[in-house]
Amino acid sequence: MDNKNEKLKVFIDAVNDEIDGEVSRILADAEKRKKAVLAEAENFSADETGKTIGSVSAKNGSLYLRDVSKAELNMKKSVIEHRDKLADMVFDSVKKRLANFREDQKYVNLLIKNLLLMHVSENSEIFLSPDDMKYADTLKKAIPSCNATFLPDEKIQLGGLAVYNVEKGIISDKTFDSAIEEQRRVFTGKNVFAE
């Protein structure tokens, strides 16, 4: 029996060694797989994290740019509104001063001077504000050789005059309305944001 026991023991040891070897191989293989799976998971996680961070950064960047653009637009709008208010104040003041000036003899002298500089021809039509028609006779005396007609024009509210040369079909405009409108365009047309 000893021999049998010894053979049995050798057999059991051999089986145990084989099992231990197999278990070791299985554990080693499992360890390799675990490391591979963990590495793959870490890579996937890193990729996804990078994508998410990139996406969030892009979103945050675009939100930041949008907010900056919106703030710049609001600032420009505020400047334009303020400039328009200032323009209104300036031009309202000019209009009031013109209204006072129109009651002075210097205004009539200016109308005469402009009329003479415009070289009014025969049969011209001279347009005045309805309020300035009271000066028509005085102006006719300044150009006695012309057979010009003085007509009221409702569009002329601030004063001055416009001459229509019937023969040439040309209008010479020396109205304060046109001058103020032009100055307002120049005033409000300036680009305050140009560098």
Protein backbone atom coordinates (compact mmCIF):
# COMPACT_ATOMS: atom_id res chain seq x y z
CA MET A 1 0.00 0.00 0.00
CA ASP A 2 2.78 2.17 0.52
CA ASN A 3 3.55 1.98 -3.05
CA LYS A 4 -0.02 2.61 -3.90
CA ASN A 5 -0.21 5.54 -1.52
CA GLU A 6 2.92 6.91 -2.88
CA LYS A 7 1.64 6.63 -6.43
CA LEU A 8 -1.61 8.20 -5.37
CA LYS A 9 0.27 11.00 -3.67
CA VAL A 10 2.40 11.58 -6.75
CA PHE A 11 -0.72 11.55 -8.89
CA ILE A 12 -2.53 14.00 -6.55
CA ASP A 13 0.53 16.25 -6.46
CA ALA A 14 0.77 16.14 -10.25
CA VAL A 15 -2.94 16.96 -10.56
CA ASN A 16 -2.57 19.69 -7.93
CA ASP A 17 0.45 21.10 -9.76
CA GLU A 18 -1.47 21.00 -13.01
CA ILE A 19 -4.48 22.67 -11.35
CA ASP A 20 -2.22 25.24 -9.68
CA GLY A 21 -0.57 25.94 -13.02
CA GLU A 22 -3.92 26.20 -14.75
CA VAL A 23 -5.26 28.46 -11.98
CA SER A 24 -2.12 30.62 -12.23
CA ARG A 25 -2.52 30.84 -15.99
CA ILE A 26 -6.22 31.70 -15.61
CA LEU A 27 -5.42 34.32 -12.95
CA ALA A 28 -2.60 35.75 -15.09
CA ASP A 29 -4.87 35.81 -18.11
CA ALA A 30 -7.63 37.43 -16.04
CA GLU A 31 -5.12 39.99 -14.75
CA LYS A 32 -4.06 40.78 -18.33
CA ARG A 33 -7.68 41.13 -19.40
CA LYS A 34 -8.43 43.30 -16.36
CA LYS A 35 -5.51 45.58 -17.23
CA ALA A 36 -6.54 45.71 -20.89
CA VAL A 37 -10.17 46.45 -19.99
CA LEU A 38 -9.10 49.12 -17.47
CA ALA A 39 -6.71 50.68 -20.00
CA GLU A 40 -9.43 50.69 -22.65
CA ALA A 41 -11.91 52.15 -20.15
CA GLU A 42 -9.42 54.83 -19.13
CA ASN A 43 -8.73 55.69 -22.77
CA PHE A 44 -12.44 55.81 -23.53
CA SER A 45 -13.05 57.90 -20.42
CA ALA A 46 -10.20 60.25 -21.35
CA ASP A 47 -11.53 60.58 -24.91
CA GLU A 48 -15.05 61.23 -23.72
CA THR A 49 -13.82 63.65 -21.06
CA GLY A 50 -11.78 65.46 -23.71
CA LYS A 51 -14.76 65.61 -26.02
CA THR A 52 -17.01 66.84 -23.23
CA ILE A 53 -14.50 69.41 -22.05
CA GLY A 54 -13.93 70.50 -25.64
CA SER A 55 -17.65 70.75 -26.20
CA VAL A 56 -18.17 72.63 -22.93
CA SER A 57 -15.19 74.88 -23.70
CA ALA A 58 -16.53 75.56 -27.18
CA LYS A 59 -19.97 76.26 -25.76
CA ASN A 60 -18.52 78.46 -23.03
CA GLY A 61 -16.29 80.17 -25.58
CA SER A 62 -19.17 80.82 -27.92
CA LEU A 63 -21.33 81.98 -24.99
CA TYR A 64 -18.53 84.31 -23.92
CA LEU A 65 -18.13 85.67 -27.45
CA ARG A 66 -21.89 86.08 -27.74
CA ASP A 67 -21.99 87.97 -24.43
CA VAL A 68 -19.09 90.20 -25.46
CA SER A 69 -20.72 90.88 -28.84
CA LYS A 70 -24.02 91.63 -27.15
CA ALA A 71 -22.32 94.03 -24.71
CA GLU A 72 -20.51 95.78 -27.58
CA LEU A 73 -23.76 96.08 -29.51
CA ASN A 74 -25.56 97.51 -26.47
CA MET A 75 -22.72 99.97 -25.93
CA LYS A 76 -22.83 101.10 -29.56
CA LYS A 77 -26.61 101.42 -29.39
CA SER A 78 -26.29 103.50 -26.22
CA VAL A 79 -23.70 105.78 -27.84
CA ILE A 80 -25.88 106.22 -30.93
CA GLU A 81 -28.96 106.99 -28.82
CA HIS A 82 -26.98 109.51 -26.76
CA ARG A 83 -25.54 111.09 -29.91
CA ASP A 84 -29.06 111.34 -31.38
CA LYS A 85 -30.31 113.04 -28.20
CA LEU A 86 -27.42 115.49 -28.35
CA ALA A 87 -28.13 116.11 -32.03
CA ASP A 88 -31.79 116.78 -31.23
CA MET A 89 -30.78 119.24 -28.51
CA VAL A 90 -28.28 121.02 -30.75
CA PHE A 91 -30.58 121.27 -33.74
CA ASP A 92 -33.59 122.28 -31.62
CA SER A 93 -31.45 125.11 -30.25
CA VAL A 94 -30.38 126.10 -33.78
CA LYS A 95 -34.01 126.11 -34.92
CA LYS A 96 -34.98 128.41 -32.04
CA ARG A 97 -32.13 130.78 -32.86
CA LEU A 98 -33.14 130.76 -36.54
CA ALA A 99 -36.72 131.62 -35.57
CA ASN A 100 -35.43 134.65 -33.65
CA PHE A 101 -33.05 135.59 -36.48
CA ARG A 102 -35.91 135.59 -39.00
CA GLU A 103 -37.47 138.55 -37.19
CA ASP A 104 -34.31 140.66 -37.59
CA GLN A 105 -33.42 142.94 -40.52
CA LYS A 106 -30.18 140.92 -40.86
CA TYR A 107 -32.30 138.00 -42.07
CA VAL A 108 -33.87 140.10 -44.83
CA ASN A 109 -30.37 141.29 -45.79
CA LEU A 110 -29.22 137.65 -45.97
CA LEU A 111 -32.17 136.77 -48.24
CA ILE A 112 -31.30 139.69 -50.53
CA LYS A 113 -27.61 138.71 -50.59
CA ASN A 114 -28.44 135.06 -51.43
CA LEU A 115 -30.91 136.16 -54.09
CA LEU A 116 -28.28 138.34 -55.77
CA LEU A 117 -25.65 135.58 -55.59
CA MET A 118 -28.02 133.08 -57.19
CA HIS A 119 -28.22 135.10 -60.42
CA VAL A 120 -31.97 134.90 -60.76
CA SER A 121 -33.02 134.82 -64.41
CA GLU A 122 -36.21 135.99 -66.13
CA ASN A 123 -39.32 134.05 -65.21
CA SER A 124 -37.66 132.30 -62.26
CA GLU A 125 -39.81 131.08 -59.43
CA ILE A 126 -38.60 132.01 -55.96
CA PHE A 127 -39.91 129.91 -53.10
CA LEU A 128 -40.17 131.27 -49.57
CA SER A 129 -41.64 130.02 -46.35
CA PRO A 130 -45.29 131.11 -46.05
CA ASP A 131 -44.18 133.18 -43.03
CA ASP A 132 -41.51 134.91 -45.14
CA MET A 133 -43.87 135.97 -47.92
CA LYS A 134 -44.08 139.31 -46.08
CA TYR A 135 -40.56 139.98 -47.43
CA ALA A 136 -41.48 139.27 -51.09
CA ASP A 137 -41.90 142.96 -52.06
CA THR A 138 -38.56 143.90 -50.48
CA LEU A 139 -36.88 141.03 -52.34
CA LYS A 140 -38.51 142.04 -55.67
CA LYS A 141 -36.97 145.47 -55.29
CA ALA A 142 -33.52 143.85 -54.99
CA ILE A 143 -33.91 142.28 -58.46
CA PRO A 144 -35.97 144.86 -60.39
CA SER A 145 -34.83 143.72 -63.83
CA CYS A 146 -36.23 140.20 -63.36
CA ASN A 147 -39.78 139.14 -63.81
CA ALA A 148 -39.50 136.58 -61.02
CA THR A 149 -42.50 135.14 -59.21
CA PHE A 150 -42.47 134.70 -55.43
CA LEU A 151 -44.37 131.67 -54.20
CA PRO A 152 -44.98 130.20 -50.74
CA ASP A 153 -43.64 126.71 -50.13
CA GLU A 154 -44.99 124.77 -47.14
CA LYS A 155 -41.83 122.62 -47.13
CA ILE A 156 -39.76 125.64 -46.16
CA GLN A 157 -40.34 125.99 -42.45
CA LEU A 158 -37.07 127.34 -41.08
CA GLY A 159 -36.47 130.09 -43.63
CA GLY A 160 -34.23 130.89 -46.53
CA LEU A 161 -35.21 130.62 -50.16
CA ALA A 162 -35.07 128.38 -53.20
CA VAL A 163 -34.93 129.57 -56.80
CA TYR A 164 -36.27 127.50 -59.67
CA ASN A 165 -34.80 128.49 -63.02
CA VAL A 166 -37.65 127.60 -65.38
CA GLU A 167 -35.50 127.81 -68.53
CA LYS A 168 -32.76 125.49 -67.26
CA GLY A 169 -34.92 123.36 -65.00
CA ILE A 170 -32.50 123.87 -62.08
CA ILE A 171 -33.35 124.54 -58.45
CA SER A 172 -30.88 126.46 -56.29
CA ASP A 173 -31.65 125.72 -52.66
CA LYS A 174 -30.55 128.17 -49.99
CA THR A 175 -33.14 127.17 -47.40
CA PHE A 176 -32.22 126.72 -43.77
CA ASP A 177 -34.25 123.51 -43.84
CA SER A 178 -31.87 121.95 -46.37
CA ALA A 179 -28.80 123.29 -44.59
CA ILE A 180 -29.97 121.90 -41.24
CA GLU A 181 -30.87 118.55 -42.81
CA GLU A 182 -27.41 118.32 -44.42
CA GLN A 183 -25.66 119.24 -41.17
CA ARG A 184 -27.72 116.67 -39.27
CA ARG A 185 -26.69 113.98 -41.78
CA VAL A 186 -23.06 114.98 -41.35
CA PHE A 187 -23.42 115.11 -37.58
CA THR A 188 -25.19 111.78 -37.17
CA GLY A 189 -23.39 110.07 -40.05
CA LYS A 190 -19.97 110.21 -38.44
CA ASN A 191 -18.76 106.76 -37.47
CA VAL A 192 -17.78 107.08 -33.81
CA PHE A 193 -16.56 103.47 -33.82
CA ALA A 194 -13.94 103.88 -36.53
CA GLU A 195 -10.39 103.56 -35.31
